[in-house]
Amino acid sequence: MSITERCAKFTQLMYAQDFIEDHPFHHCLRTIKEATIEKKLNLVVWRAELA
Protein backbone atom coordinates (compact mmCIF):
# COMPACT_ATOMS: atom_id res chain seq x y z
CA MET A 1 0.00 0.00 0.00
CA SER A 2 1.39 3.40 -0.97
CA ILE A 3 1.92 6.23 1.49
CA THR A 4 -0.88 8.15 -0.24
CA GLU A 5 -3.28 5.24 0.31
CA ARG A 6 -2.24 4.94 3.95
CA CYS A 7 -2.82 8.65 4.57
CA ALA A 8 -6.23 8.40 2.92
CA LYS A 9 -7.17 5.58 5.29
CA PHE A 10 -6.11 7.61 8.34
CA THR A 11 -8.13 10.55 7.07
CA GLN A 12 -11.19 8.29 6.83
CA LEU A 13 -10.59 7.14 10.41
CA MET A 14 -10.49 10.74 11.59
CA TYR A 15 -13.71 11.56 9.77
CA ALA A 16 -15.28 8.52 11.44
CA GLN A 17 -14.88 10.45 14.73
CA ASP A 18 -18.33 11.98 14.12
CA PHE A 19 -19.95 8.55 14.38
CA ILE A 20 -18.00 7.63 17.50
CA GLU A 21 -19.23 10.76 19.31
CA ASP A 22 -22.67 9.14 19.63
CA HIS A 23 -21.27 6.01 21.26
CA PRO A 24 -21.55 5.83 25.08
CA PHE A 25 -17.91 4.84 25.34
CA HIS A 26 -16.71 7.40 22.83
CA HIS A 27 -14.07 8.80 25.22
CA CYS A 28 -12.34 5.42 25.46
CA LEU A 29 -12.74 4.75 21.76
CA ARG A 30 -11.37 8.15 20.83
CA THR A 31 -8.32 7.69 23.03
CA ILE A 32 -7.57 4.26 21.58
CA LYS A 33 -8.17 5.45 18.02
CA GLU A 34 -6.06 8.59 18.39
CA ALA A 35 -3.18 6.57 19.85
CA THR A 36 -3.46 4.08 16.99
CA ILE A 37 -3.60 6.79 14.33
CA GLU A 38 -0.67 8.63 15.89
CA LYS A 39 1.44 5.47 15.97
CA LYS A 40 0.61 4.61 12.35
CA LEU A 41 1.16 8.17 11.12
CA ASN A 42 4.56 8.19 12.80
CA LEU A 43 5.37 4.95 10.98
CA VAL A 44 4.25 6.46 7.66
CA VAL A 45 6.41 9.55 8.22
CA TRP A 46 9.37 7.39 9.21
CA ARG A 47 9.00 5.26 6.07
CA ALA A 48 8.59 8.36 3.92
CA GLU A 49 11.88 9.70 5.27
CA LEU A 50 13.58 6.42 4.37
CA ALA A 51 12.22 6.46 0.82
PDB file of N, CA and C in Angstrom:
ATOM      1  N   MET A   1       0.847  -1.185   0.000  1.00  0.00           N
ATOM      2  CA  MET A   1       0.000   0.000   0.000  1.00  0.00           C
ATOM      3  C   MET A   1       0.891   1.247   0.000  1.00  0.00           C
ATOM      4  N   SER A   2       0.564   2.199  -0.870  1.00  0.00           N
ATOM      5  CA  SER A   2       1.387   3.397  -0.974  1.00  0.00           C
ATOM      6  C   SER A   2       1.159   4.328   0.215  1.00  0.00           C
ATOM      7  N   ILE A   3       2.062   5.256   0.399  1.00  0.00           N
ATOM      8  CA  ILE A   3       1.922   6.229   1.488  1.00  0.00           C
ATOM      9  C   ILE A   3       0.656   7.050   1.287  1.00  0.00           C
ATOM     10  N   THR A   4       0.333   7.380   0.042  1.00  0.00           N
ATOM     11  CA  THR A   4      -0.883   8.147  -0.240  1.00  0.00           C
ATOM     12  C   THR A   4      -2.117   7.374   0.203  1.00  0.00           C
ATOM     13  N   GLU A   5      -2.144   6.080  -0.086  1.00  0.00           N
ATOM     14  CA  GLU A   5      -3.276   5.240   0.312  1.00  0.00           C
ATOM     15  C   GLU A   5      -3.383   5.149   1.831  1.00  0.00           C
ATOM     16  N   ARG A   6      -2.239   5.020   2.483  1.00  0.00           N
ATOM     17  CA  ARG A   6      -2.235   4.943   3.947  1.00  0.00           C
ATOM     18  C   ARG A   6      -2.801   6.226   4.546  1.00  0.00           C
ATOM     19  N   CYS A   7      -2.345   7.361   4.047  1.00  0.00           N
ATOM     20  CA  CYS A   7      -2.819   8.646   4.568  1.00  0.00           C
ATOM     21  C   CYS A   7      -4.317   8.800   4.339  1.00  0.00           C
ATOM     22  N   ALA A   8      -4.798   8.323   3.203  1.00  0.00           N
ATOM     23  CA  ALA A   8      -6.231   8.401   2.920  1.00  0.00           C
ATOM     24  C   ALA A   8      -7.010   7.584   3.942  1.00  0.00           C
ATOM     25  N   LYS A   9      -6.492   6.412   4.306  1.00  0.00           N
ATOM     26  CA  LYS A   9      -7.169   5.578   5.292  1.00  0.00           C
ATOM     27  C   LYS A   9      -7.214   6.267   6.654  1.00  0.00           C
ATOM     28  N   PHE A  10      -6.123   6.919   7.049  1.00  0.00           N
ATOM     29  CA  PHE A  10      -6.108   7.607   8.344  1.00  0.00           C
ATOM     30  C   PHE A  10      -7.092   8.769   8.332  1.00  0.00           C
ATOM     31  N   THR A  11      -7.191   9.442   7.185  1.00  0.00           N
ATOM     32  CA  THR A  11      -8.127  10.553   7.068  1.00  0.00           C
ATOM     33  C   THR A  11      -9.551  10.041   7.256  1.00  0.00           C
ATOM     34  N   GLN A  12      -9.859   8.882   6.674  1.00  0.00           N
ATOM     35  CA  GLN A  12     -11.186   8.287   6.834  1.00  0.00           C
ATOM     36  C   GLN A  12     -11.443   7.960   8.296  1.00  0.00           C
ATOM     37  N   LEU A  13     -10.438   7.457   8.993  1.00  0.00           N
ATOM     38  CA  LEU A  13     -10.591   7.139  10.410  1.00  0.00           C
ATOM     39  C   LEU A  13     -10.913   8.399  11.200  1.00  0.00           C
ATOM     40  N   MET A  14     -10.252   9.491  10.861  1.00  0.00           N
ATOM     41  CA  MET A  14     -10.490  10.739  11.592  1.00  0.00           C
ATOM     42  C   MET A  14     -11.892  11.262  11.308  1.00  0.00           C
ATOM     43  N   TYR A  15     -12.355  11.125  10.085  1.00  0.00           N
ATOM     44  CA  TYR A  15     -13.713  11.562   9.767  1.00  0.00           C
ATOM     45  C   TYR A  15     -14.734  10.691  10.493  1.00  0.00           C
ATOM     46  N   ALA A  16     -14.372   9.438  10.757  1.00  0.00           N
ATOM     47  CA  ALA A  16     -15.276   8.521  11.445  1.00  0.00           C
ATOM     48  C   ALA A  16     -15.516   8.963  12.888  1.00  0.00           C
ATOM     49  N   GLN A  17     -14.732   9.919  13.366  1.00  0.00           N
ATOM     50  CA  GLN A  17     -14.878  10.446  14.726  1.00  0.00           C
ATOM     51  C   GLN A  17     -16.317  10.895  14.976  1.00  0.00           C
ATOM     52  N   ASP A  18     -16.964  11.480  13.956  1.00  0.00           N
ATOM     53  CA  ASP A  18     -18.328  11.979  14.122  1.00  0.00           C
ATOM     54  C   ASP A  18     -19.274  10.872  14.554  1.00  0.00           C
ATOM     55  N   PHE A  19     -19.078   9.665  14.036  1.00  0.00           N
ATOM     56  CA  PHE A  19     -19.946   8.549  14.383  1.00  0.00           C
ATOM     57  C   PHE A  19     -19.656   8.065  15.800  1.00  0.00           C
ATOM     58  N   ILE A  20     -18.391   8.109  16.182  1.00  0.00           N
ATOM     59  CA  ILE A  20     -18.005   7.626  17.503  1.00  0.00           C
ATOM     60  C   ILE A  20     -18.541   8.537  18.603  1.00  0.00           C
ATOM     61  N   GLU A  21     -18.730   9.816  18.311  1.00  0.00           N
ATOM     62  CA  GLU A  21     -19.227  10.763  19.312  1.00  0.00           C
ATOM     63  C   GLU A  21     -20.539  10.276  19.929  1.00  0.00           C
ATOM     64  N   ASP A  22     -21.359   9.583  19.151  1.00  0.00           N
ATOM     65  CA  ASP A  22     -22.667   9.136  19.630  1.00  0.00           C
ATOM     66  C   ASP A  22     -22.579   7.878  20.481  1.00  0.00           C
ATOM     67  N   HIS A  23     -21.427   7.260  20.521  1.00  0.00           N
ATOM     68  CA  HIS A  23     -21.267   6.011  21.259  1.00  0.00           C
ATOM     69  C   HIS A  23     -21.046   6.317  22.739  1.00  0.00           C
ATOM     70  N   PRO A  24     -21.700   5.560  23.640  1.00  0.00           N
ATOM     71  CA  PRO A  24     -21.553   5.834  25.076  1.00  0.00           C
ATOM     72  C   PRO A  24     -20.118   5.752  25.585  1.00  0.00           C
ATOM     73  N   PHE A  25     -19.291   4.972  24.901  1.00  0.00           N
ATOM     74  CA  PHE A  25     -17.908   4.839  25.338  1.00  0.00           C
ATOM     75  C   PHE A  25     -16.969   5.624  24.424  1.00  0.00           C
ATOM     76  N   HIS A  26     -17.498   6.699  23.839  1.00  0.00           N
ATOM     77  CA  HIS A  26     -16.706   7.401  22.829  1.00  0.00           C
ATOM     78  C   HIS A  26     -15.396   7.957  23.377  1.00  0.00           C
ATOM     79  N   HIS A  27     -15.334   8.270  24.673  1.00  0.00           N
ATOM     80  CA  HIS A  27     -14.075   8.801  25.219  1.00  0.00           C
ATOM     81  C   HIS A  27     -12.981   7.747  25.135  1.00  0.00           C
ATOM     82  N   CYS A  28     -13.317   6.511  25.521  1.00  0.00           N
ATOM     83  CA  CYS A  28     -12.344   5.425  25.460  1.00  0.00           C
ATOM     84  C   CYS A  28     -11.987   5.123  24.009  1.00  0.00           C
ATOM     85  N   LEU A  29     -12.989   5.059  23.158  1.00  0.00           N
ATOM     86  CA  LEU A  29     -12.744   4.746  21.756  1.00  0.00           C
ATOM     87  C   LEU A  29     -11.870   5.808  21.113  1.00  0.00           C
ATOM     88  N   ARG A  30     -12.141   7.075  21.443  1.00  0.00           N
ATOM     89  CA  ARG A  30     -11.372   8.149  20.833  1.00  0.00           C
ATOM     90  C   ARG A  30      -9.912   8.056  21.255  1.00  0.00           C
ATOM     91  N   THR A  31      -9.689   7.781  22.528  1.00  0.00           N
ATOM     92  CA  THR A  31      -8.318   7.693  23.033  1.00  0.00           C
ATOM     93  C   THR A  31      -7.559   6.569  22.341  1.00  0.00           C
ATOM     94  N   ILE A  32      -8.203   5.406  22.237  1.00  0.00           N
ATOM     95  CA  ILE A  32      -7.573   4.262  21.578  1.00  0.00           C
ATOM     96  C   ILE A  32      -7.309   4.577  20.109  1.00  0.00           C
ATOM     97  N   LYS A  33      -8.306   5.171  19.449  1.00  0.00           N
ATOM     98  CA  LYS A  33      -8.166   5.446  18.017  1.00  0.00           C
ATOM     99  C   LYS A  33      -7.084   6.492  17.771  1.00  0.00           C
ATOM    100  N   GLU A  34      -7.059   7.544  18.591  1.00  0.00           N
ATOM    101  CA  GLU A  34      -6.055   8.586  18.395  1.00  0.00           C
ATOM    102  C   GLU A  34      -4.653   8.031  18.593  1.00  0.00           C
ATOM    103  N   ALA A  35      -4.490   7.174  19.594  1.00  0.00           N
ATOM    104  CA  ALA A  35      -3.184   6.573  19.851  1.00  0.00           C
ATOM    105  C   ALA A  35      -2.769   5.700  18.668  1.00  0.00           C
ATOM    106  N   THR A  36      -3.742   4.957  18.125  1.00  0.00           N
ATOM    107  CA  THR A  36      -3.459   4.078  16.990  1.00  0.00           C
ATOM    108  C   THR A  36      -3.096   4.896  15.757  1.00  0.00           C
ATOM    109  N   ILE A  37      -3.866   5.939  15.493  1.00  0.00           N
ATOM    110  CA  ILE A  37      -3.596   6.788  14.326  1.00  0.00           C
ATOM    111  C   ILE A  37      -2.232   7.447  14.470  1.00  0.00           C
ATOM    112  N   GLU A  38      -1.940   7.952  15.683  1.00  0.00           N
ATOM    113  CA  GLU A  38      -0.667   8.632  15.893  1.00  0.00           C
ATOM    114  C   GLU A  38       0.499   7.682  15.647  1.00  0.00           C
ATOM    115  N   LYS A  39       0.369   6.460  16.145  1.00  0.00           N
ATOM    116  CA  LYS A  39       1.438   5.475  15.966  1.00  0.00           C
ATOM    117  C   LYS A  39       1.630   5.159  14.481  1.00  0.00           C
ATOM    118  N   LYS A  40       0.523   4.961  13.766  1.00  0.00           N
ATOM    119  CA  LYS A  40       0.607   4.608  12.348  1.00  0.00           C
ATOM    120  C   LYS A  40       1.108   5.788  11.514  1.00  0.00           C
ATOM    121  N   LEU A  41       0.687   7.009  11.864  1.00  0.00           N
ATOM    122  CA  LEU A  41       1.162   8.171  11.120  1.00  0.00           C
ATOM    123  C   LEU A  41       2.655   8.349  11.325  1.00  0.00           C
ATOM    124  N   ASN A  42       3.124   8.101  12.546  1.00  0.00           N
ATOM    125  CA  ASN A  42       4.563   8.192  12.805  1.00  0.00           C
ATOM    126  C   ASN A  42       5.309   7.185  11.945  1.00  0.00           C
ATOM    127  N   LEU A  43       4.739   5.990  11.792  1.00  0.00           N
ATOM    128  CA  LEU A  43       5.367   4.954  10.977  1.00  0.00           C
ATOM    129  C   LEU A  43       5.399   5.391   9.509  1.00  0.00           C
ATOM    130  N   VAL A  44       4.315   5.994   9.044  1.00  0.00           N
ATOM    131  CA  VAL A  44       4.254   6.463   7.656  1.00  0.00           C
ATOM    132  C   VAL A  44       5.306   7.537   7.423  1.00  0.00           C
ATOM    133  N   VAL A  45       5.428   8.476   8.367  1.00  0.00           N
ATOM    134  CA  VAL A  45       6.412   9.553   8.216  1.00  0.00           C
ATOM    135  C   VAL A  45       7.817   8.971   8.214  1.00  0.00           C
ATOM    136  N   TRP A  46       8.062   8.023   9.113  1.00  0.00           N
ATOM    137  CA  TRP A  46       9.375   7.393   9.206  1.00  0.00           C
ATOM    138  C   TRP A  46       9.715   6.689   7.894  1.00  0.00           C
ATOM    139  N   ARG A  47       8.759   5.974   7.330  1.00  0.00           N
ATOM    140  CA  ARG A  47       8.998   5.263   6.066  1.00  0.00           C
ATOM    141  C   ARG A  47       9.199   6.252   4.922  1.00  0.00           C
ATOM    142  N   ALA A  48       8.461   7.361   4.967  1.00  0.00           N
ATOM    143  CA  ALA A  48       8.590   8.364   3.916  1.00  0.00           C
ATOM    144  C   ALA A  48       9.998   8.960   3.936  1.00  0.00           C
ATOM    145  N   GLU A  49      10.540   9.137   5.145  1.00  0.00           N
ATOM    146  CA  GLU A  49      11.883   9.696   5.266  1.00  0.00           C
ATOM    147  C   GLU A  49      12.928   8.717   4.737  1.00  0.00           C
ATOM    148  N   LEU A  50      12.640   7.430   4.865  1.00  0.00           N
ATOM    149  CA  LEU A  50      13.583   6.424   4.367  1.00  0.00           C
ATOM    150  C   LEU A  50      13.559   6.336   2.842  1.00  0.00           C
ATOM    151  N   ALA A  51      12.400   6.622   2.267  1.00  0.00           N
ATOM    152  CA  ALA A  51      12.217   6.458   0.820  1.00  0.00           C
ATOM    153  C   ALA A  51      13.096   7.433   0.032  1.00  0.00           C
TER     154      ALA A  51
END
